[in-house]
Amino acid sequence: MARVCQVTGKKPITGNKVSHSNIKTKRRFLPNLQTKRYFLAEEDKWVTLKVSSEAIRTINKNGLYSVVKQLRAEGAKI
């Protein structure tokens, strides 16, 4: 599975590593992804999501069921 958040769509971006002598080399900035299991009470089952820390906060704020419903409307299989 790719390093992409299932809720926010965050993925790795590229940039420069800058040394003390100001030499620049390419590097990747990876998102802070966590594999989390949530219990979806409305369907009485566990759901495993690969989410970023921002998405965890979104789920805490809006509720798991509304986030899953929105993902399914966009075509994600959960």
PDB file of N, CA and C in Angstrom:
ATOM      1  N   MET A   1       0.834  -1.178   0.000  1.00  0.00           N
ATOM      2  CA  MET A   1       0.000   0.000   0.000  1.00  0.00           C
ATOM      3  C   MET A   1       0.879   1.243   0.000  1.00  0.00           C
ATOM      4  N   ALA A   2       0.478   2.263  -0.725  1.00  0.00           N
ATOM      5  CA  ALA A   2       1.280   3.463  -0.867  1.00  0.00           C
ATOM      6  C   ALA A   2       1.275   4.289   0.412  1.00  0.00           C
ATOM      7  N   ARG A   3       2.212   5.200   0.512  1.00  0.00           N
ATOM      8  CA  ARG A   3       2.281   6.092   1.669  1.00  0.00           C
ATOM      9  C   ARG A   3       1.352   7.273   1.456  1.00  0.00           C
ATOM     10  N   VAL A   4       0.061   7.000   1.464  1.00  0.00           N
ATOM     11  CA  VAL A   4      -0.956   8.025   1.241  1.00  0.00           C
ATOM     12  C   VAL A   4      -2.012   7.887   2.326  1.00  0.00           C
ATOM     13  N   CYS A   5      -2.416   9.013   2.903  1.00  0.00           N
ATOM     14  CA  CYS A   5      -3.473   9.020   3.905  1.00  0.00           C
ATOM     15  C   CYS A   5      -4.806   8.759   3.229  1.00  0.00           C
ATOM     16  N   GLN A   6      -5.606   7.848   3.790  1.00  0.00           N
ATOM     17  CA  GLN A   6      -6.879   7.500   3.182  1.00  0.00           C
ATOM     18  C   GLN A   6      -7.929   8.589   3.360  1.00  0.00           C
ATOM     19  N   VAL A   7      -7.776   9.441   4.355  1.00  0.00           N
ATOM     20  CA  VAL A   7      -8.777  10.475   4.626  1.00  0.00           C
ATOM     21  C   VAL A   7      -8.411  11.789   3.951  1.00  0.00           C
ATOM     22  N   THR A   8      -7.196  12.287   4.182  1.00  0.00           N
ATOM     23  CA  THR A   8      -6.813  13.603   3.667  1.00  0.00           C
ATOM     24  C   THR A   8      -6.106  13.546   2.319  1.00  0.00           C
ATOM     25  N   GLY A   9      -5.570  12.380   1.958  1.00  0.00           N
ATOM     26  CA  GLY A   9      -4.848  12.270   0.692  1.00  0.00           C
ATOM     27  C   GLY A   9      -3.422  12.773   0.746  1.00  0.00           C
ATOM     28  N   LYS A  10      -2.914  13.031   1.955  1.00  0.00           N
ATOM     29  CA  LYS A  10      -1.529  13.479   2.084  1.00  0.00           C
ATOM     30  C   LYS A  10      -0.590  12.400   1.568  1.00  0.00           C
ATOM     31  N   LYS A  11       0.461  12.819   0.841  1.00  0.00           N
ATOM     32  CA  LYS A  11       1.442  11.891   0.306  1.00  0.00           C
ATOM     33  C   LYS A  11       2.825  12.530   0.378  1.00  0.00           C
ATOM     34  N   PRO A  12       3.881  11.765   0.115  1.00  0.00           N
ATOM     35  CA  PRO A  12       5.226  12.332   0.216  1.00  0.00           C
ATOM     36  C   PRO A  12       5.438  13.481  -0.766  1.00  0.00           C
ATOM     37  N   ILE A  13       6.199  14.471  -0.314  1.00  0.00           N
ATOM     38  CA  ILE A  13       6.587  15.577  -1.190  1.00  0.00           C
ATOM     39  C   ILE A  13       8.108  15.620  -1.242  1.00  0.00           C
ATOM     40  N   THR A  14       8.637  16.294  -2.241  1.00  0.00           N
ATOM     41  CA  THR A  14      10.087  16.379  -2.388  1.00  0.00           C
ATOM     42  C   THR A  14      10.564  17.763  -2.017  1.00  0.00           C
ATOM     43  N   GLY A  15      11.827  17.809  -1.646  1.00  0.00           N
ATOM     44  CA  GLY A  15      12.455  19.068  -1.288  1.00  0.00           C
ATOM     45  C   GLY A  15      13.958  18.880  -1.271  1.00  0.00           C
ATOM     46  N   ASN A  16      14.640  19.813  -0.673  1.00  0.00           N
ATOM     47  CA  ASN A  16      16.094  19.753  -0.607  1.00  0.00           C
ATOM     48  C   ASN A  16      16.567  19.554   0.821  1.00  0.00           C
ATOM     49  N   LYS A  17      17.573  18.697   0.956  1.00  0.00           N
ATOM     50  CA  LYS A  17      18.313  18.615   2.203  1.00  0.00           C
ATOM     51  C   LYS A  17      19.446  19.619   2.060  1.00  0.00           C
ATOM     52  N   VAL A  18      19.550  20.528   2.990  1.00  0.00           N
ATOM     53  CA  VAL A  18      20.554  21.584   2.893  1.00  0.00           C
ATOM     54  C   VAL A  18      21.588  21.370   3.989  1.00  0.00           C
ATOM     55  N   SER A  19      22.838  21.175   3.577  1.00  0.00           N
ATOM     56  CA  SER A  19      23.910  20.934   4.539  1.00  0.00           C
ATOM     57  C   SER A  19      24.396  22.256   5.136  1.00  0.00           C
ATOM     58  N   HIS A  20      25.283  22.135   6.088  1.00  0.00           N
ATOM     59  CA  HIS A  20      25.860  23.324   6.721  1.00  0.00           C
ATOM     60  C   HIS A  20      26.586  24.194   5.702  1.00  0.00           C
ATOM     61  N   SER A  21      27.190  23.560   4.680  1.00  0.00           N
ATOM     62  CA  SER A  21      27.901  24.309   3.654  1.00  0.00           C
ATOM     63  C   SER A  21      26.976  24.732   2.510  1.00  0.00           C
ATOM     64  N   ASN A  22      25.664  24.581   2.704  1.00  0.00           N
ATOM     65  CA  ASN A  22      24.626  25.019   1.760  1.00  0.00           C
ATOM     66  C   ASN A  22      24.589  24.193   0.482  1.00  0.00           C
ATOM     67  N   ILE A  23      25.062  22.924   0.543  1.00  0.00           N
ATOM     68  CA  ILE A  23      24.939  22.017  -0.593  1.00  0.00           C
ATOM     69  C   ILE A  23      23.538  21.398  -0.532  1.00  0.00           C
ATOM     70  N   LYS A  24      22.865  21.400  -1.660  1.00  0.00           N
ATOM     71  CA  LYS A  24      21.486  20.916  -1.694  1.00  0.00           C
ATOM     72  C   LYS A  24      21.402  19.574  -2.409  1.00  0.00           C
ATOM     73  N   THR A  25      20.767  18.609  -1.762  1.00  0.00           N
ATOM     74  CA  THR A  25      20.504  17.312  -2.371  1.00  0.00           C
ATOM     75  C   THR A  25      19.027  16.995  -2.188  1.00  0.00           C
ATOM     76  N   LYS A  26      18.470  16.269  -3.149  1.00  0.00           N
ATOM     77  CA  LYS A  26      17.044  15.949  -3.111  1.00  0.00           C
ATOM     78  C   LYS A  26      16.729  14.976  -1.970  1.00  0.00           C
ATOM     79  N   ARG A  27      15.568  15.152  -1.376  1.00  0.00           N
ATOM     80  CA  ARG A  27      15.084  14.252  -0.331  1.00  0.00           C
ATOM     81  C   ARG A  27      13.567  14.223  -0.377  1.00  0.00           C
ATOM     82  N   ARG A  28      12.974  13.293   0.391  1.00  0.00           N
ATOM     83  CA  ARG A  28      11.515  13.173   0.471  1.00  0.00           C
ATOM     84  C   ARG A  28      11.047  13.504   1.877  1.00  0.00           C
ATOM     85  N   PHE A  29       9.954  14.234   1.957  1.00  0.00           N
ATOM     86  CA  PHE A  29       9.297  14.494   3.224  1.00  0.00           C
ATOM     87  C   PHE A  29       8.085  13.568   3.297  1.00  0.00           C
ATOM     88  N   LEU A  30       8.094  12.623   4.233  1.00  0.00           N
ATOM     89  CA  LEU A  30       7.022  11.637   4.339  1.00  0.00           C
ATOM     90  C   LEU A  30       5.943  12.132   5.306  1.00  0.00           C
ATOM     91  N   PRO A  31       4.680  11.841   5.021  1.00  0.00           N
ATOM     92  CA  PRO A  31       3.617  12.226   5.950  1.00  0.00           C
ATOM     93  C   PRO A  31       3.660  11.350   7.205  1.00  0.00           C
ATOM     94  N   ASN A  32       3.122  11.877   8.282  1.00  0.00           N
ATOM     95  CA  ASN A  32       3.096  11.155   9.558  1.00  0.00           C
ATOM     96  C   ASN A  32       1.912  10.196   9.545  1.00  0.00           C
ATOM     97  N   LEU A  33       2.104   9.006   8.958  1.00  0.00           N
ATOM     98  CA  LEU A  33       1.021   8.041   8.802  1.00  0.00           C
ATOM     99  C   LEU A  33       1.007   7.030   9.942  1.00  0.00           C
ATOM    100  N   GLN A  34      -0.188   6.699  10.380  1.00  0.00           N
ATOM    101  CA  GLN A  34      -0.401   5.697  11.411  1.00  0.00           C
ATOM    102  C   GLN A  34      -1.455   4.714  10.903  1.00  0.00           C
ATOM    103  N   THR A  35      -1.288   3.444  11.215  1.00  0.00           N
ATOM    104  CA  THR A  35      -2.312   2.453  10.918  1.00  0.00           C
ATOM    105  C   THR A  35      -3.179   2.310  12.163  1.00  0.00           C
ATOM    106  N   LYS A  36      -4.446   2.708  12.048  1.00  0.00           N
ATOM    107  CA  LYS A  36      -5.346   2.731  13.200  1.00  0.00           C
ATOM    108  C   LYS A  36      -6.549   1.845  12.949  1.00  0.00           C
ATOM    109  N   ARG A  37      -6.993   1.152  13.999  1.00  0.00           N
ATOM    110  CA  ARG A  37      -8.229   0.377  13.953  1.00  0.00           C
ATOM    111  C   ARG A  37      -9.292   1.139  14.727  1.00  0.00           C
ATOM    112  N   TYR A  38     -10.413   1.365  14.071  1.00  0.00           N
ATOM    113  CA  TYR A  38     -11.537   2.039  14.703  1.00  0.00           C
ATOM    114  C   TYR A  38     -12.722   1.087  14.725  1.00  0.00           C
ATOM    115  N   PHE A  39     -13.536   1.191  15.766  1.00  0.00           N
ATOM    116  CA  PHE A  39     -14.755   0.392  15.831  1.00  0.00           C
ATOM    117  C   PHE A  39     -15.899   1.231  15.297  1.00  0.00           C
ATOM    118  N   LEU A  40     -16.495   0.781  14.210  1.00  0.00           N
ATOM    119  CA  LEU A  40     -17.615   1.470  13.577  1.00  0.00           C
ATOM    120  C   LEU A  40     -18.898   0.917  14.198  1.00  0.00           C
ATOM    121  N   ALA A  41     -19.446   1.644  15.167  1.00  0.00           N
ATOM    122  CA  ALA A  41     -20.579   1.143  15.962  1.00  0.00           C
ATOM    123  C   ALA A  41     -21.835   0.978  15.120  1.00  0.00           C
ATOM    124  N   GLU A  42     -22.033   1.836  14.114  1.00  0.00           N
ATOM    125  CA  GLU A  42     -23.243   1.764  13.296  1.00  0.00           C
ATOM    126  C   GLU A  42     -23.318   0.465  12.503  1.00  0.00           C
ATOM    127  N   GLU A  43     -22.168  -0.088  12.134  1.00  0.00           N
ATOM    128  CA  GLU A  43     -22.132  -1.344  11.373  1.00  0.00           C
ATOM    129  C   GLU A  43     -21.635  -2.509  12.209  1.00  0.00           C
ATOM    130  N   ASP A  44     -21.291  -2.250  13.462  1.00  0.00           N
ATOM    131  CA  ASP A  44     -20.831  -3.267  14.402  1.00  0.00           C
ATOM    132  C   ASP A  44     -19.632  -4.043  13.867  1.00  0.00           C
ATOM    133  N   LYS A  45     -18.620  -3.298  13.379  1.00  0.00           N
ATOM    134  CA  LYS A  45     -17.402  -3.946  12.893  1.00  0.00           C
ATOM    135  C   LYS A  45     -16.202  -3.021  13.058  1.00  0.00           C
ATOM    136  N   TRP A  46     -15.015  -3.613  12.979  1.00  0.00           N
ATOM    137  CA  TRP A  46     -13.770  -2.857  13.071  1.00  0.00           C
ATOM    138  C   TRP A  46     -13.340  -2.428  11.676  1.00  0.00           C
ATOM    139  N   VAL A  47     -12.759  -1.226  11.587  1.00  0.00           N
ATOM    140  CA  VAL A  47     -12.273  -0.679  10.324  1.00  0.00           C
ATOM    141  C   VAL A  47     -10.816  -0.285  10.531  1.00  0.00           C
ATOM    142  N   THR A  48      -9.937  -0.734   9.646  1.00  0.00           N
ATOM    143  CA  THR A  48      -8.530  -0.361   9.705  1.00  0.00           C
ATOM    144  C   THR A  48      -8.258   0.697   8.648  1.00  0.00           C
ATOM    145  N   LEU A  49      -7.699   1.829   9.093  1.00  0.00           N
ATOM    146  CA  LEU A  49      -7.404   2.936   8.191  1.00  0.00           C
ATOM    147  C   LEU A  49      -5.940   3.325   8.318  1.00  0.00           C
ATOM    148  N   LYS A  50      -5.354   3.751   7.209  1.00  0.00           N
ATOM    149  CA  LYS A  50      -4.003   4.302   7.211  1.00  0.00           C
ATOM    150  C   LYS A  50      -4.169   5.813   7.140  1.00  0.00           C
ATOM    151  N   VAL A  51      -3.996   6.487   8.274  1.00  0.00           N
ATOM    152  CA  VAL A  51      -4.335   7.899   8.382  1.00  0.00           C
ATOM    153  C   VAL A  51      -3.157   8.714   8.902  1.00  0.00           C
ATOM    154  N   SER A  52      -3.150   9.984   8.544  1.00  0.00           N
ATOM    155  CA  SER A  52      -2.155  10.907   9.065  1.00  0.00           C
ATOM    156  C   SER A  52      -2.627  11.436  10.410  1.00  0.00           C
ATOM    157  N   SER A  53      -1.745  12.115  11.118  1.00  0.00           N
ATOM    158  CA  SER A  53      -2.120  12.656  12.422  1.00  0.00           C
ATOM    159  C   SER A  53      -3.205  13.717  12.272  1.00  0.00           C
ATOM    160  N   GLU A  54      -3.206  14.444  11.173  1.00  0.00           N
ATOM    161  CA  GLU A  54      -4.270  15.426  10.913  1.00  0.00           C
ATOM    162  C   GLU A  54      -5.609  14.726  10.710  1.00  0.00           C
ATOM    163  N   ALA A  55      -5.594  13.582  10.049  1.00  0.00           N
ATOM    164  CA  ALA A  55      -6.831  12.837   9.818  1.00  0.00           C
ATOM    165  C   ALA A  55      -7.382  12.260  11.121  1.00  0.00           C
ATOM    166  N   ILE A  56      -6.505  11.877  12.048  1.00  0.00           N
ATOM    167  CA  ILE A  56      -6.959  11.398  13.355  1.00  0.00           C
ATOM    168  C   ILE A  56      -7.716  12.498  14.072  1.00  0.00           C
ATOM    169  N   ARG A  57      -7.218  13.720  13.986  1.00  0.00           N
ATOM    170  CA  ARG A  57      -7.900  14.857  14.599  1.00  0.00           C
ATOM    171  C   ARG A  57      -9.230  15.123  13.905  1.00  0.00           C
ATOM    172  N   THR A  58      -9.280  14.963  12.585  1.00  0.00           N
ATOM    173  CA  THR A  58     -10.521  15.150  11.840  1.00  0.00           C
ATOM    174  C   THR A  58     -11.560  14.121  12.258  1.00  0.00           C
ATOM    175  N   ILE A  59     -11.129  12.867  12.431  1.00  0.00           N
ATOM    176  CA  ILE A  59     -12.048  11.814  12.859  1.00  0.00           C
ATOM    177  C   ILE A  59     -12.559  12.095  14.272  1.00  0.00           C
ATOM    178  N   ASN A  60     -11.684  12.577  15.144  1.00  0.00           N
ATOM    179  CA  ASN A  60     -12.112  12.917  16.505  1.00  0.00           C
ATOM    180  C   ASN A  60     -13.125  14.058  16.502  1.00  0.00           C
ATOM    181  N   LYS A  61     -12.957  15.008  15.595  1.00  0.00           N
ATOM    182  CA  LYS A  61     -13.834  16.177  15.544  1.00  0.00           C
ATOM    183  C   LYS A  61     -15.180  15.853  14.891  1.00  0.00           C
ATOM    184  N   ASN A  62     -15.166  15.215  13.731  1.00  0.00           N
ATOM    185  CA  ASN A  62     -16.386  15.008  12.947  1.00  0.00           C
ATOM    186  C   ASN A  62     -17.074  13.678  13.229  1.00  0.00           C
ATOM    187  N   GLY A  63     -16.368  12.745  13.813  1.00  0.00           N
ATOM    188  CA  GLY A  63     -16.932  11.425  14.060  1.00  0.00           C
ATOM    189  C   GLY A  63     -16.525  10.455  12.962  1.00  0.00           C
ATOM    190  N   LEU A  64     -16.327   9.212  13.349  1.00  0.00           N
ATOM    191  CA  LEU A  64     -15.852   8.189  12.414  1.00  0.00           C
ATOM    192  C   LEU A  64     -16.878   7.896  11.329  1.00  0.00           C
ATOM    193  N   TYR A  65     -18.145   7.796  11.713  1.00  0.00           N
ATOM    194  CA  TYR A  65     -19.165   7.403  10.737  1.00  0.00           C
ATOM    195  C   TYR A  65     -19.309   8.435   9.624  1.00  0.00           C
ATOM    196  N   SER A  66     -19.246   9.722   9.959  1.00  0.00           N
ATOM    197  CA  SER A  66     -19.377  10.757   8.922  1.00  0.00           C
ATOM    198  C   SER A  66     -18.171  10.754   7.987  1.00  0.00           C
ATOM    199  N   VAL A  67     -16.980  10.476   8.525  1.00  0.00           N
ATOM    200  CA  VAL A  67     -15.773  10.430   7.691  1.00  0.00           C
ATOM    201  C   VAL A  67     -15.824   9.219   6.765  1.00  0.00           C
ATOM    202  N   VAL A  68     -16.241   8.059   7.286  1.00  0.00           N
ATOM    203  CA  VAL A  68     -16.339   6.850   6.466  1.00  0.00           C
ATOM    204  C   VAL A  68     -17.408   7.020   5.395  1.00  0.00           C
ATOM    205  N   LYS A  69     -18.524   7.648   5.746  1.00  0.00           N
ATOM    206  CA  LYS A  69     -19.592   7.881   4.778  1.00  0.00           C
ATOM    207  C   LYS A  69     -19.113   8.781   3.644  1.00  0.00           C
ATOM    208  N   GLN A  70     -18.322   9.800   3.992  1.00  0.00           N
ATOM    209  CA  GLN A  70     -17.766  10.704   2.976  1.00  0.00           C
ATOM    210  C   GLN A  70     -16.769   9.972   2.081  1.00  0.00           C
ATOM    211  N   LEU A  71     -15.936   9.088   2.655  1.00  0.00           N
ATOM    212  CA  LEU A  71     -14.974   8.327   1.866  1.00  0.00           C
ATOM    213  C   LEU A  71     -15.682   7.391   0.897  1.00  0.00           C
ATOM    214  N   ARG A  72     -16.749   6.749   1.376  1.00  0.00           N
ATOM    215  CA  ARG A  72     -17.499   5.841   0.508  1.00  0.00           C
ATOM    216  C   ARG A  72     -18.192   6.595  -0.618  1.00  0.00           C
ATOM    217  N   ALA A  73     -18.619   7.821  -0.361  1.00  0.00           N
ATOM    218  CA  ALA A  73     -19.244   8.633  -1.407  1.00  0.00           C
ATOM    219  C   ALA A  73     -18.234   8.991  -2.501  1.00  0.00           C
ATOM    220  N   GLU A  74     -16.953   9.104  -2.093  1.00  0.00           N
ATOM    221  CA  GLU A  74     -15.900   9.401  -3.066  1.00  0.00           C
ATOM    222  C   GLU A  74     -15.425   8.163  -3.791  1.00  0.00           C
ATOM    223  N   GLY A  75     -15.911   6.980  -3.380  1.00  0.00           N
ATOM    224  CA  GLY A  75     -15.581   5.754  -4.097  1.00  0.00           C
ATOM    225  C   GLY A  75     -14.568   4.858  -3.416  1.00  0.00           C
ATOM    226  N   ALA A  76     -14.148   5.195  -2.196  1.00  0.00           N
ATOM    227  CA  ALA A  76     -13.190   4.354  -1.490  1.00  0.00           C
ATOM    228  C   ALA A  76     -13.881   3.130  -0.922  1.00  0.00           C
ATOM    229  N   LYS A  77     -13.174   1.990  -0.945  1.00  0.00           N
ATOM    230  CA  LYS A  77     -13.743   0.754  -0.414  1.00  0.00           C
ATOM    231  C   LYS A  77     -13.304   0.586   1.019  1.00  0.00           C
ATOM    232  N   ILE A  78     -14.263   0.719   1.946  1.00  0.00           N
ATOM    233  CA  ILE A  78     -13.957   0.602   3.380  1.00  0.00           C
ATOM    234  C   ILE A  78     -14.946  -0.347   3.997  1.00  0.00           C
TER     235      ILE A  78
END
